[in-house]
PDB file of N, CA and C in Angstrom:
ATOM      1  N   MET A   1       0.807  -1.069   0.022  1.00  0.00           N
ATOM      2  CA  MET A   1      -0.076  -0.071  -0.011  1.00  0.00           C
ATOM      3  C   MET A   1       0.840   1.248   0.120  1.00  0.00           C
ATOM      4  N   SER A   2       0.493   2.073  -0.849  1.00  0.00           N
ATOM      5  CA  SER A   2       1.421   3.360  -0.958  1.00  0.00           C
ATOM      6  C   SER A   2       0.784   4.431   0.055  1.00  0.00           C
ATOM      7  N   ASP A   3       1.259   5.385   0.614  1.00  0.00           N
ATOM      8  CA  ASP A   3       0.675   6.687   1.112  1.00  0.00           C
ATOM      9  C   ASP A   3       0.644   7.858   0.245  1.00  0.00           C
ATOM     10  N   GLU A   4      -0.244   7.748  -0.794  1.00  0.00           N
ATOM     11  CA  GLU A   4      -0.316   9.076  -1.566  1.00  0.00           C
ATOM     12  C   GLU A   4      -0.992   9.980  -0.963  1.00  0.00           C
ATOM     13  N   ILE A   5      -0.503  11.366  -1.516  1.00  0.00           N
ATOM     14  CA  ILE A   5      -1.264  12.666  -0.829  1.00  0.00           C
ATOM     15  C   ILE A   5      -1.794  13.177  -1.784  1.00  0.00           C
ATOM     16  N   TYR A   6      -3.057  13.482  -1.781  1.00  0.00           N
ATOM     17  CA  TYR A   6      -4.054  13.943  -2.752  1.00  0.00           C
ATOM     18  C   TYR A   6      -4.341  15.701  -2.289  1.00  0.00           C
ATOM     19  N   GLY A   7      -4.670  16.307  -3.332  1.00  0.00           N
ATOM     20  CA  GLY A   7      -5.085  17.873  -3.097  1.00  0.00           C
ATOM     21  C   GLY A   7      -6.480  17.832  -2.654  1.00  0.00           C
ATOM     22  N   SER A   8      -7.229  16.902  -2.844  1.00  0.00           N
ATOM     23  CA  SER A   8      -8.618  16.828  -2.248  1.00  0.00           C
ATOM     24  C   SER A   8      -9.065  15.503  -2.118  1.00  0.00           C
ATOM     25  N   VAL A   9     -10.338  15.503  -1.461  1.00  0.00           N
ATOM     26  CA  VAL A   9     -11.028  14.191  -1.457  1.00  0.00           C
ATOM     27  C   VAL A   9     -11.448  13.674  -2.932  1.00  0.00           C
ATOM     28  N   TRP A  10     -11.882  14.536  -3.791  1.00  0.00           N
ATOM     29  CA  TRP A  10     -12.089  14.434  -5.278  1.00  0.00           C
ATOM     30  C   TRP A  10     -11.084  13.668  -5.995  1.00  0.00           C
ATOM     31  N   ASP A  11      -9.729  14.181  -5.648  1.00  0.00           N
ATOM     32  CA  ASP A  11      -8.713  13.596  -6.278  1.00  0.00           C
ATOM     33  C   ASP A  11      -8.593  12.182  -5.926  1.00  0.00           C
ATOM     34  N   ALA A  12      -8.519  11.753  -4.830  1.00  0.00           N
ATOM     35  CA  ALA A  12      -8.460  10.732  -4.347  1.00  0.00           C
ATOM     36  C   ALA A  12      -9.379   9.648  -4.806  1.00  0.00           C
ATOM     37  N   LEU A  13     -10.717   9.996  -4.944  1.00  0.00           N
ATOM     38  CA  LEU A  13     -11.751   9.050  -5.125  1.00  0.00           C
ATOM     39  C   LEU A  13     -11.785   8.805  -6.794  1.00  0.00           C
ATOM     40  N   ALA A  14     -11.570   9.949  -7.575  1.00  0.00           N
ATOM     41  CA  ALA A  14     -11.567   9.901  -9.109  1.00  0.00           C
ATOM     42  C   ALA A  14     -10.641   8.999  -9.924  1.00  0.00           C
ATOM     43  N   ASP A  15     -10.850   8.517 -10.713  1.00  0.00           N
ATOM     44  CA  ASP A  15      -9.973   7.729 -11.653  1.00  0.00           C
ATOM     45  C   ASP A  15      -9.120   8.647 -12.345  1.00  0.00           C
ATOM     46  N   THR A  16      -9.537   9.612 -12.877  1.00  0.00           N
ATOM     47  CA  THR A  16      -8.908  10.734 -14.006  1.00  0.00           C
ATOM     48  C   THR A  16      -9.020  11.867 -13.262  1.00  0.00           C
ATOM     49  N   GLU A  17      -8.338  12.790 -13.975  1.00  0.00           N
ATOM     50  CA  GLU A  17      -8.160  14.260 -13.541  1.00  0.00           C
ATOM     51  C   GLU A  17      -9.652  15.110 -13.843  1.00  0.00           C
ATOM     52  N   GLN A  18     -10.160  14.389 -15.214  1.00  0.00           N
ATOM     53  CA  GLN A  18     -11.420  14.867 -15.569  1.00  0.00           C
ATOM     54  C   GLN A  18     -12.451  14.641 -14.963  1.00  0.00           C
ATOM     55  N   GLU A  19     -12.526  13.477 -14.176  1.00  0.00           N
ATOM     56  CA  GLU A  19     -13.634  13.087 -13.274  1.00  0.00           C
ATOM     57  C   GLU A  19     -13.460  13.855 -11.947  1.00  0.00           C
ATOM     58  N   ALA A  20     -12.336  13.997 -11.492  1.00  0.00           N
ATOM     59  CA  ALA A  20     -12.029  14.962 -10.505  1.00  0.00           C
ATOM     60  C   ALA A  20     -12.487  16.184 -10.594  1.00  0.00           C
ATOM     61  N   ALA A  21     -12.165  16.760 -11.615  1.00  0.00           N
ATOM     62  CA  ALA A  21     -12.591  18.161 -12.116  1.00  0.00           C
ATOM     63  C   ALA A  21     -14.215  18.294 -11.974  1.00  0.00           C
ATOM     64  N   ASN A  22     -14.859  17.284 -12.660  1.00  0.00           N
ATOM     65  CA  ASN A  22     -16.268  17.067 -12.531  1.00  0.00           C
ATOM     66  C   ASN A  22     -16.795  17.331 -11.184  1.00  0.00           C
ATOM     67  N   LEU A  23     -16.549  16.283 -10.612  1.00  0.00           N
ATOM     68  CA  LEU A  23     -16.740  16.016  -8.886  1.00  0.00           C
ATOM     69  C   LEU A  23     -16.600  17.154  -8.281  1.00  0.00           C
ATOM     70  N   LYS A  24     -15.421  18.150  -8.362  1.00  0.00           N
ATOM     71  CA  LYS A  24     -15.270  19.047  -7.582  1.00  0.00           C
ATOM     72  C   LYS A  24     -16.236  20.487  -7.955  1.00  0.00           C
ATOM     73  N   ALA A  25     -16.598  20.550  -9.317  1.00  0.00           N
ATOM     74  CA  ALA A  25     -17.305  21.345  -9.944  1.00  0.00           C
ATOM     75  C   ALA A  25     -18.853  21.303  -9.285  1.00  0.00           C
ATOM     76  N   ARG A  26     -19.397  19.939  -9.483  1.00  0.00           N
ATOM     77  CA  ARG A  26     -20.716  19.234  -8.807  1.00  0.00           C
ATOM     78  C   ARG A  26     -20.867  19.699  -7.293  1.00  0.00           C
ATOM     79  N   SER A  27     -19.705  19.303  -6.849  1.00  0.00           N
ATOM     80  CA  SER A  27     -19.956  19.313  -5.113  1.00  0.00           C
ATOM     81  C   SER A  27     -20.101  20.755  -4.437  1.00  0.00           C
ATOM     82  N   ALA A  28     -19.397  21.975  -5.426  1.00  0.00           N
ATOM     83  CA  ALA A  28     -19.247  23.043  -5.136  1.00  0.00           C
ATOM     84  C   ALA A  28     -20.701  23.673  -5.540  1.00  0.00           C
ATOM     85  N   LEU A  29     -21.379  23.521  -6.519  1.00  0.00           N
ATOM     86  CA  LEU A  29     -22.660  23.977  -6.998  1.00  0.00           C
ATOM     87  C   LEU A  29     -23.591  23.273  -6.166  1.00  0.00           C
ATOM     88  N   LEU A  30     -23.521  21.901  -5.525  1.00  0.00           N
ATOM     89  CA  LEU A  30     -24.585  21.237  -4.779  1.00  0.00           C
ATOM     90  C   LEU A  30     -24.443  21.900  -3.368  1.00  0.00           C
ATOM     91  N   PHE A  31     -23.165  22.310  -2.872  1.00  0.00           N
ATOM     92  CA  PHE A  31     -23.250  22.881  -1.589  1.00  0.00           C
ATOM     93  C   PHE A  31     -23.780  24.263  -1.465  1.00  0.00           C
ATOM     94  N   GLU A  32     -23.568  24.843  -2.770  1.00  0.00           N
ATOM     95  CA  GLU A  32     -24.115  26.455  -2.641  1.00  0.00           C
ATOM     96  C   GLU A  32     -25.820  26.275  -2.917  1.00  0.00           C
ATOM     97  N   ILE A  33     -26.303  25.612  -3.485  1.00  0.00           N
ATOM     98  CA  ILE A  33     -27.748  25.262  -3.779  1.00  0.00           C
ATOM     99  C   ILE A  33     -28.261  24.910  -2.682  1.00  0.00           C
ATOM    100  N   ARG A  34     -27.710  23.775  -1.701  1.00  0.00           N
ATOM    101  CA  ARG A  34     -28.250  23.442  -0.568  1.00  0.00           C
ATOM    102  C   ARG A  34     -28.444  24.659   0.610  1.00  0.00           C
ATOM    103  N   LYS A  35     -27.098  25.406   0.350  1.00  0.00           N
ATOM    104  CA  LYS A  35     -27.226  26.674   1.385  1.00  0.00           C
ATOM    105  C   LYS A  35     -28.310  27.509   1.193  1.00  0.00           C
ATOM    106  N   ALA A  36     -28.399  27.829   0.184  1.00  0.00           N
ATOM    107  CA  ALA A  36     -29.417  28.731  -0.442  1.00  0.00           C
ATOM    108  C   ALA A  36     -30.969  28.247  -0.093  1.00  0.00           C
ATOM    109  N   VAL A  37     -30.918  27.031  -0.519  1.00  0.00           N
ATOM    110  CA  VAL A  37     -32.624  26.443  -0.248  1.00  0.00           C
ATOM    111  C   VAL A  37     -32.900  26.292   1.543  1.00  0.00           C
ATOM    112  N   GLN A  38     -31.808  26.082   1.780  1.00  0.00           N
ATOM    113  CA  GLN A  38     -32.057  25.833   3.436  1.00  0.00           C
ATOM    114  C   GLN A  38     -32.421  27.302   3.910  1.00  0.00           C
ATOM    115  N   GLY A  39     -31.663  28.247   3.512  1.00  0.00           N
ATOM    116  CA  GLY A  39     -31.806  29.654   3.908  1.00  0.00           C
ATOM    117  C   GLY A  39     -33.233  30.000   3.562  1.00  0.00           C
ATOM    118  N   TRP A  40     -33.855  29.482   2.586  1.00  0.00           N
ATOM    119  CA  TRP A  40     -35.306  30.031   2.367  1.00  0.00           C
ATOM    120  C   TRP A  40     -36.436  29.543   3.459  1.00  0.00           C
ATOM    121  N   GLY A  41     -35.993  28.527   4.249  1.00  0.00           N
ATOM    122  CA  GLY A  41     -36.956  28.391   5.431  1.00  0.00           C
ATOM    123  C   GLY A  41     -38.159  27.808   4.852  1.00  0.00           C
ATOM    124  N   LEU A  42     -38.012  27.052   3.734  1.00  0.00           N
ATOM    125  CA  LEU A  42     -39.493  26.431   3.156  1.00  0.00           C
ATOM    126  C   LEU A  42     -39.311  24.887   3.534  1.00  0.00           C
ATOM    127  N   SER A  43     -40.768  24.360   3.375  1.00  0.00           N
ATOM    128  CA  SER A  43     -40.921  23.046   3.199  1.00  0.00           C
ATOM    129  C   SER A  43     -40.233  22.246   2.111  1.00  0.00           C
ATOM    130  N   GLN A  44     -39.821  21.071   1.951  1.00  0.00           N
ATOM    131  CA  GLN A  44     -39.426  20.434   0.829  1.00  0.00           C
ATOM    132  C   GLN A  44     -40.342  20.532  -0.108  1.00  0.00           C
ATOM    133  N   GLU A  45     -41.847  20.436  -0.005  1.00  0.00           N
ATOM    134  CA  GLU A  45     -42.591  20.489  -1.170  1.00  0.00           C
ATOM    135  C   GLU A  45     -42.441  22.186  -1.415  1.00  0.00           C
ATOM    136  N   GLY A  46     -42.461  22.969  -0.549  1.00  0.00           N
ATOM    137  CA  GLY A  46     -42.350  24.682  -1.347  1.00  0.00           C
ATOM    138  C   GLY A  46     -41.068  24.617  -1.807  1.00  0.00           C
ATOM    139  N   ALA A  47     -39.853  24.100  -1.255  1.00  0.00           N
ATOM    140  CA  ALA A  47     -38.718  24.331  -2.144  1.00  0.00           C
ATOM    141  C   ALA A  47     -38.565  23.576  -3.572  1.00  0.00           C
ATOM    142  N   ALA A  48     -39.249  22.401  -3.565  1.00  0.00           N
ATOM    143  CA  ALA A  48     -39.397  21.934  -5.065  1.00  0.00           C
ATOM    144  C   ALA A  48     -40.208  22.438  -5.851  1.00  0.00           C
ATOM    145  N   LYS A  49     -41.208  23.070  -5.122  1.00  0.00           N
ATOM    146  CA  LYS A  49     -41.894  23.826  -6.205  1.00  0.00           C
ATOM    147  C   LYS A  49     -41.218  25.102  -6.914  1.00  0.00           C
ATOM    148  N   ARG A  50     -40.332  25.781  -5.758  1.00  0.00           N
ATOM    149  CA  ARG A  50     -39.684  26.986  -6.170  1.00  0.00           C
ATOM    150  C   ARG A  50     -38.714  26.585  -7.378  1.00  0.00           C
ATOM    151  N   LEU A  51     -38.040  25.352  -7.071  1.00  0.00           N
ATOM    152  CA  LEU A  51     -36.877  24.941  -8.093  1.00  0.00           C
ATOM    153  C   LEU A  51     -37.376  24.153  -9.494  1.00  0.00           C
ATOM    154  N   GLY A  52     -38.802  23.825  -9.375  1.00  0.00           N
ATOM    155  CA  GLY A  52     -38.938  23.219 -10.133  1.00  0.00           C
ATOM    156  C   GLY A  52     -38.837  21.687 -10.353  1.00  0.00           C
ATOM    157  N   LEU A  53     -38.708  21.155  -9.175  1.00  0.00           N
ATOM    158  CA  LEU A  53     -38.211  19.688  -9.184  1.00  0.00           C
ATOM    159  C   LEU A  53     -39.440  18.926  -8.321  1.00  0.00           C
ATOM    160  N   THR A  54     -39.523  17.749  -8.418  1.00  0.00           N
ATOM    161  CA  THR A  54     -40.347  16.900  -7.583  1.00  0.00           C
ATOM    162  C   THR A  54     -39.789  16.872  -6.221  1.00  0.00           C
ATOM    163  N   ARG A  55     -40.635  16.383  -5.360  1.00  0.00           N
ATOM    164  CA  ARG A  55     -40.076  16.557  -3.781  1.00  0.00           C
ATOM    165  C   ARG A  55     -39.268  15.587  -3.512  1.00  0.00           C
ATOM    166  N   PRO A  56     -39.265  14.228  -4.332  1.00  0.00           N
ATOM    167  CA  PRO A  56     -38.309  13.418  -3.928  1.00  0.00           C
ATOM    168  C   PRO A  56     -36.513  13.541  -4.375  1.00  0.00           C
ATOM    169  N   ARG A  57     -36.640  14.505  -5.633  1.00  0.00           N
ATOM    170  CA  ARG A  57     -35.569  15.168  -6.397  1.00  0.00           C
ATOM    171  C   ARG A  57     -34.776  16.080  -5.246  1.00  0.00           C
ATOM    172  N   THR A  58     -35.558  16.808  -4.959  1.00  0.00           N
ATOM    173  CA  THR A  58     -35.495  17.971  -3.744  1.00  0.00           C
ATOM    174  C   THR A  58     -34.676  17.066  -2.575  1.00  0.00           C
ATOM    175  N   ASN A  59     -35.349  16.074  -2.221  1.00  0.00           N
ATOM    176  CA  ASN A  59     -34.787  15.653  -0.841  1.00  0.00           C
ATOM    177  C   ASN A  59     -33.394  14.863  -1.223  1.00  0.00           C
ATOM    178  N   ASP A  60     -33.222  14.421  -2.346  1.00  0.00           N
ATOM    179  CA  ASP A  60     -31.915  14.038  -3.013  1.00  0.00           C
ATOM    180  C   ASP A  60     -31.061  15.371  -2.781  1.00  0.00           C
ATOM    181  N   LEU A  61     -31.489  16.126  -3.297  1.00  0.00           N
ATOM    182  CA  LEU A  61     -30.551  17.280  -3.374  1.00  0.00           C
ATOM    183  C   LEU A  61     -29.988  17.955  -1.806  1.00  0.00           C
ATOM    184  N   LEU A  62     -31.043  18.033  -0.989  1.00  0.00           N
ATOM    185  CA  LEU A  62     -30.829  18.306   0.234  1.00  0.00           C
ATOM    186  C   LEU A  62     -30.005  17.555   1.268  1.00  0.00           C
ATOM    187  N   ARG A  63     -30.049  15.985   0.935  1.00  0.00           N
ATOM    188  CA  ARG A  63     -29.177  15.246   1.312  1.00  0.00           C
ATOM    189  C   ARG A  63     -27.739  15.087   0.888  1.00  0.00           C
ATOM    190  N   GLY A  64     -27.654  15.927  -0.338  1.00  0.00           N
ATOM    191  CA  GLY A  64     -26.547  16.049  -0.629  1.00  0.00           C
ATOM    192  C   GLY A  64     -25.920  14.654  -1.384  1.00  0.00           C
ATOM    193  N   LYS A  65     -26.770  14.205  -2.352  1.00  0.00           N
ATOM    194  CA  LYS A  65     -26.657  12.869  -2.930  1.00  0.00           C
ATOM    195  C   LYS A  65     -26.175  13.442  -4.379  1.00  0.00           C
ATOM    196  N   LEU A  66     -24.694  13.606  -4.267  1.00  0.00           N
ATOM    197  CA  LEU A  66     -24.051  14.202  -5.624  1.00  0.00           C
ATOM    198  C   LEU A  66     -24.385  13.193  -6.558  1.00  0.00           C
ATOM    199  N   ALA A  67     -24.125  12.077  -6.537  1.00  0.00           N
ATOM    200  CA  ALA A  67     -24.226  10.974  -7.601  1.00  0.00           C
ATOM    201  C   ALA A  67     -25.392  11.129  -8.355  1.00  0.00           C
ATOM    202  N   LYS A  68     -26.222  11.778  -8.085  1.00  0.00           N
ATOM    203  CA  LYS A  68     -27.661  11.676  -8.779  1.00  0.00           C
ATOM    204  C   LYS A  68     -27.856  12.959  -9.320  1.00  0.00           C
ATOM    205  N   PHE A  69     -26.785  13.835  -9.418  1.00  0.00           N
ATOM    206  CA  PHE A  69     -27.008  14.848 -10.327  1.00  0.00           C
ATOM    207  C   PHE A  69     -25.887  15.234 -11.196  1.00  0.00           C
ATOM    208  N   SER A  70     -25.923  15.419 -12.381  1.00  0.00           N
ATOM    209  CA  SER A  70     -25.122  15.879 -13.434  1.00  0.00           C
ATOM    210  C   SER A  70     -24.687  17.391 -13.407  1.00  0.00           C
ATOM    211  N   LEU A  71     -23.616  17.703 -13.841  1.00  0.00           N
ATOM    212  CA  LEU A  71     -23.040  19.333 -13.505  1.00  0.00           C
ATOM    213  C   LEU A  71     -24.314  20.014 -14.398  1.00  0.00           C
ATOM    214  N   ASP A  72     -24.747  19.559 -15.599  1.00  0.00           N
ATOM    215  CA  ASP A  72     -25.567  20.298 -16.391  1.00  0.00           C
ATOM    216  C   ASP A  72     -26.994  20.606 -15.535  1.00  0.00           C
ATOM    217  N   ALA A  73     -27.418  19.405 -14.690  1.00  0.00           N
ATOM    218  CA  ALA A  73     -28.580  19.373 -13.779  1.00  0.00           C
ATOM    219  C   ALA A  73     -28.398  20.431 -12.767  1.00  0.00           C
ATOM    220  N   LEU A  74     -27.231  20.432 -12.227  1.00  0.00           N
ATOM    221  CA  LEU A  74     -26.969  21.417 -11.022  1.00  0.00           C
ATOM    222  C   LEU A  74     -26.861  23.079 -11.557  1.00  0.00           C
ATOM    223  N   VAL A  75     -26.297  23.110 -12.752  1.00  0.00           N
ATOM    224  CA  VAL A  75     -26.598  24.416 -13.396  1.00  0.00           C
ATOM    225  C   VAL A  75     -27.888  25.270 -13.572  1.00  0.00           C
ATOM    226  N   ASN A  76     -28.774  23.986 -13.974  1.00  0.00           N
ATOM    227  CA  ASN A  76     -30.160  24.549 -14.088  1.00  0.00           C
ATOM    228  C   ASN A  76     -30.880  24.597 -12.865  1.00  0.00           C
ATOM    229  N   ILE A  77     -30.544  23.862 -11.592  1.00  0.00           N
ATOM    230  CA  ILE A  77     -31.339  23.860 -10.360  1.00  0.00           C
ATOM    231  C   ILE A  77     -30.790  25.313  -9.766  1.00  0.00           C
ATOM    232  N   ALA A  78     -29.401  25.708  -9.956  1.00  0.00           N
ATOM    233  CA  ALA A  78     -28.668  26.923  -9.503  1.00  0.00           C
ATOM    234  C   ALA A  78     -29.545  27.931 -10.070  1.00  0.00           C
ATOM    235  N   ALA A  79     -29.692  28.016 -11.429  1.00  0.00           N
ATOM    236  CA  ALA A  79     -30.225  29.011 -12.183  1.00  0.00           C
ATOM    237  C   ALA A  79     -31.960  29.143 -11.702  1.00  0.00           C
ATOM    238  N   ALA A  80     -32.645  28.090 -11.259  1.00  0.00           N
ATOM    239  CA  ALA A  80     -33.941  28.166 -10.576  1.00  0.00           C
ATOM    240  C   ALA A  80     -34.011  28.633  -9.121  1.00  0.00           C
ATOM    241  N   ALA A  81     -32.682  28.527  -8.731  1.00  0.00           N
ATOM    242  CA  ALA A  81     -32.753  29.002  -7.258  1.00  0.00           C
ATOM    243  C   ALA A  81     -32.188  30.626  -7.162  1.00  0.00           C
ATOM    244  N   ARG A  82     -32.231  31.025  -8.549  1.00  0.00           N
ATOM    245  CA  ARG A  82     -31.744  32.667  -8.547  1.00  0.00           C
ATOM    246  C   ARG A  82     -30.310  32.727  -8.173  1.00  0.00           C
ATOM    247  N   LEU A  83     -29.276  31.533  -8.530  1.00  0.00           N
ATOM    248  CA  LEU A  83     -28.038  31.951  -7.982  1.00  0.00           C
ATOM    249  C   LEU A  83     -27.323  32.206  -9.384  1.00  0.00           C
ATOM    250  N   GLU A  84     -26.496  33.472  -8.839  1.00  0.00           N
ATOM    251  CA  GLU A  84     -25.468  33.666 -10.307  1.00  0.00           C
ATOM    252  C   GLU A  84     -24.407  32.407 -10.246  1.00  0.00           C
ATOM    253  N   ILE A  85     -23.995  31.990 -11.221  1.00  0.00           N
ATOM    254  CA  ILE A  85     -22.896  31.141 -11.339  1.00  0.00           C
ATOM    255  C   ILE A  85     -21.761  31.857 -11.907  1.00  0.00           C
ATOM    256  N   GLU A  86     -20.592  31.677 -11.677  1.00  0.00           N
ATOM    257  CA  GLU A  86     -19.488  32.427 -11.932  1.00  0.00           C
ATOM    258  C   GLU A  86     -18.380  31.058 -12.541  1.00  0.00           C
ATOM    259  N   ILE A  87     -17.848  31.178 -13.312  1.00  0.00           N
ATOM    260  CA  ILE A  87     -16.843  29.964 -13.315  1.00  0.00           C
ATOM    261  C   ILE A  87     -15.409  30.523 -13.620  1.00  0.00           C
ATOM    262  N   ARG A  88     -14.492  30.188 -12.641  1.00  0.00           N
ATOM    263  CA  ARG A  88     -13.340  30.596 -12.785  1.00  0.00           C
ATOM    264  C   ARG A  88     -12.315  29.648 -13.172  1.00  0.00           C
ATOM    265  N   VAL A  89     -11.540  29.778 -14.162  1.00  0.00           N
ATOM    266  CA  VAL A  89     -10.392  28.631 -14.279  1.00  0.00           C
ATOM    267  C   VAL A  89      -9.000  29.238 -14.201  1.00  0.00           C
ATOM    268  N   LYS A  90      -8.531  28.519 -14.093  1.00  0.00           N
ATOM    269  CA  LYS A  90      -6.699  28.766 -13.611  1.00  0.00           C
ATOM    270  C   LYS A  90      -5.861  27.688 -14.015  1.00  0.00           C
ATOM    271  N   ASP A  91      -4.564  27.684 -14.252  1.00  0.00           N
ATOM    272  CA  ASP A  91      -3.896  26.959 -14.672  1.00  0.00           C
ATOM    273  C   ASP A  91      -3.370  26.084 -13.523  1.00  0.00           C
ATOM    274  N   ALA A  92      -3.395  24.747 -13.739  1.00  0.00           N
ATOM    275  CA  ALA A  92      -3.285  24.203 -12.406  1.00  0.00           C
ATOM    276  C   ALA A  92      -1.746  23.872 -11.935  1.00  0.00           C
ATOM    277  N   ALA A  93      -0.906  24.220 -12.826  1.00  0.00           N
ATOM    278  CA  ALA A  93       0.594  24.009 -12.904  1.00  0.00           C
ATOM    279  C   ALA A  93       1.292  24.697 -11.828  1.00  0.00           C
TER     280      ALA A  93
END
């Protein structure tokens, strides 16, 4: 067994750099969406209606079930939540 050191948990879990980048972006979006929705103080039914989702889908979102959401879906949900998305790209070297 080797003692590898990773930059993030996503780097450790992903098989490729591309997969890790996707996981990082999705987790950041999911975190911000959850924070916004929790701040609304609505029931899951109310939040689902506001986001245009079903209540079970909203439950998955609020429980942080990252594997159930694509990056595209999370962008759409963030827009429905009236969150402004800003993409920042920098050289990893």
